[in-house]
Amino acid sequence: QLHLTMSEKNELTKSLEMVQKELQEKESEMKREISEYKDRLLQAEKEHQDALTEANRKNKVEIEACQDKMNLLEHFISSQKLEIEHLMSNKEELNNSLKEANQTLGELLKTKVR
């Protein structure tokens, strides 16, 4: 009876050791997988951050280019307004000169008819 019990105990001990060994192997495997997933996650986060940084840089460059274009257009519009004002002033002067010339012509024609 004692021999049988000791034999069963030895089998159970071996079985327990095998189960413990399997659990340790599974734990090691899970730790390795977790470490791999953490590394992948860090890599993905780094790639994401790099992509965001690059997109922000491109957007900043594009915004600056648009601001430059806008400043050029504002300057162009301002110079065009000045040109229009100058042309309007010249037109007014020409109209006045034309009126004076017509009046002088009218007076000359009147004196010639007399």
Protein backbone atom coordinates (compact mmCIF):
# COMPACT_ATOMS: atom_id res chain seq x y z
CA GLN A 1 0.00 0.00 0.00
CA LEU A 2 2.79 2.40 0.96
CA HIS A 3 4.68 1.50 -2.18
CA LEU A 4 1.58 2.19 -4.30
CA THR A 5 0.97 5.51 -2.58
CA MET A 6 4.62 6.53 -3.04
CA SER A 7 4.42 5.56 -6.70
CA GLU A 8 1.25 7.61 -7.17
CA LYS A 9 2.90 10.52 -5.35
CA ASN A 10 5.90 10.31 -7.69
CA GLU A 11 3.61 10.23 -10.75
CA LEU A 12 1.64 13.19 -9.44
CA THR A 13 4.85 15.06 -8.69
CA LYS A 14 6.13 14.36 -12.22
CA SER A 15 2.78 15.39 -13.64
CA LEU A 16 2.79 18.59 -11.56
CA GLU A 17 6.35 19.37 -12.67
CA MET A 18 5.34 18.86 -16.31
CA VAL A 19 2.34 21.15 -15.90
CA GLN A 20 4.51 23.76 -14.15
CA LYS A 21 7.09 23.49 -16.93
CA GLU A 22 4.36 23.92 -19.58
CA LEU A 23 2.99 26.92 -17.72
CA GLN A 24 6.46 28.47 -17.49
CA GLU A 25 6.99 27.88 -21.21
CA LYS A 26 3.61 29.42 -22.01
CA GLU A 27 4.36 32.36 -19.72
CA SER A 28 7.72 32.88 -21.45
CA GLU A 29 6.04 32.67 -24.86
CA MET A 30 3.35 35.15 -23.81
CA LYS A 31 5.99 37.54 -22.42
CA ARG A 32 7.90 37.27 -25.69
CA GLU A 33 4.72 37.95 -27.71
CA ILE A 34 3.82 40.91 -25.46
CA SER A 35 7.32 42.29 -25.95
CA GLU A 36 6.96 41.89 -29.74
CA TYR A 37 3.57 43.62 -29.71
CA LYS A 38 4.98 46.48 -27.60
CA ASP A 39 7.86 46.87 -30.07
CA ARG A 40 5.41 46.88 -32.99
CA LEU A 41 3.21 49.40 -31.21
CA LEU A 42 6.18 51.68 -30.51
CA GLN A 43 7.27 51.39 -34.14
CA ALA A 44 3.75 52.17 -35.38
CA GLU A 45 3.51 55.15 -33.02
CA LYS A 46 6.90 56.42 -34.22
CA GLU A 47 5.85 56.04 -37.87
CA HIS A 48 2.57 57.80 -37.11
CA GLN A 49 4.38 60.65 -35.35
CA ASP A 50 6.87 60.93 -38.23
CA ALA A 51 3.99 61.06 -40.72
CA LEU A 52 2.24 63.76 -38.66
CA THR A 53 5.45 65.77 -38.42
CA GLU A 54 5.99 65.53 -42.18
CA ALA A 55 2.36 66.44 -42.92
CA ASN A 56 2.64 69.45 -40.58
CA ARG A 57 5.87 70.53 -42.27
CA LYS A 58 4.28 70.25 -45.73
CA ASN A 59 1.20 72.14 -44.56
CA LYS A 60 3.37 74.89 -43.08
CA VAL A 61 5.30 75.23 -46.35
CA GLU A 62 2.04 75.29 -48.32
CA ILE A 63 0.50 77.88 -45.99
CA GLU A 64 3.59 80.08 -46.34
CA ALA A 65 3.46 79.75 -50.14
CA CYS A 66 -0.24 80.71 -50.11
CA GLN A 67 0.49 83.68 -47.85
CA ASP A 68 3.23 84.80 -50.23
CA LYS A 69 0.84 84.51 -53.18
CA MET A 70 -1.82 86.40 -51.27
CA ASN A 71 0.66 89.18 -50.42
CA LEU A 72 1.68 89.40 -54.08
CA LEU A 73 -1.95 89.58 -55.16
CA GLU A 74 -2.72 92.25 -52.57
CA HIS A 75 0.25 94.27 -53.80
CA PHE A 76 -0.87 93.78 -57.42
CA ILE A 77 -4.44 94.85 -56.55
CA SER A 78 -3.12 97.90 -54.73
CA SER A 79 -0.97 98.92 -57.69
CA GLN A 80 -3.91 98.33 -60.05
CA LYS A 81 -6.11 100.59 -57.90
CA LEU A 82 -3.46 103.31 -58.06
CA GLU A 83 -3.22 102.85 -61.83
CA ILE A 84 -7.02 103.12 -62.14
CA GLU A 85 -7.03 106.28 -60.03
CA HIS A 86 -4.26 107.73 -62.20
CA LEU A 87 -6.15 106.84 -65.39
CA MET A 88 -9.39 108.32 -64.01
CA SER A 89 -7.54 111.54 -63.16
CA ASN A 90 -6.04 111.65 -66.66
CA LYS A 91 -9.49 111.03 -68.14
CA GLU A 92 -10.91 113.90 -66.11
CA GLU A 93 -8.11 116.20 -67.23
CA LEU A 94 -8.59 115.15 -70.87
CA ASN A 95 -12.34 115.70 -70.60
CA ASN A 96 -11.75 119.19 -69.18
CA SER A 97 -9.21 119.94 -71.92
CA LEU A 98 -11.67 118.66 -74.54
CA LYS A 99 -14.44 120.88 -73.11
CA GLU A 100 -12.12 123.88 -73.19
CA ALA A 101 -11.04 123.04 -76.75
CA ASN A 102 -14.67 122.70 -77.83
CA GLN A 103 -15.55 126.01 -76.20
CA THR A 104 -12.60 127.69 -77.89
CA LEU A 105 -13.57 126.09 -81.18
CA GLY A 106 -17.14 127.28 -80.71
CA GLU A 107 -16.01 130.81 -79.98
CA LEU A 108 -13.66 130.78 -82.99
CA LEU A 109 -16.47 129.55 -85.21
CA LYS A 110 -18.76 132.28 -83.86
CA THR A 111 -16.16 134.96 -84.55
CA LYS A 112 -15.49 133.55 -87.99
CA VAL A 113 -19.24 133.58 -88.83
CA ARG A 114 -19.52 137.27 -87.82
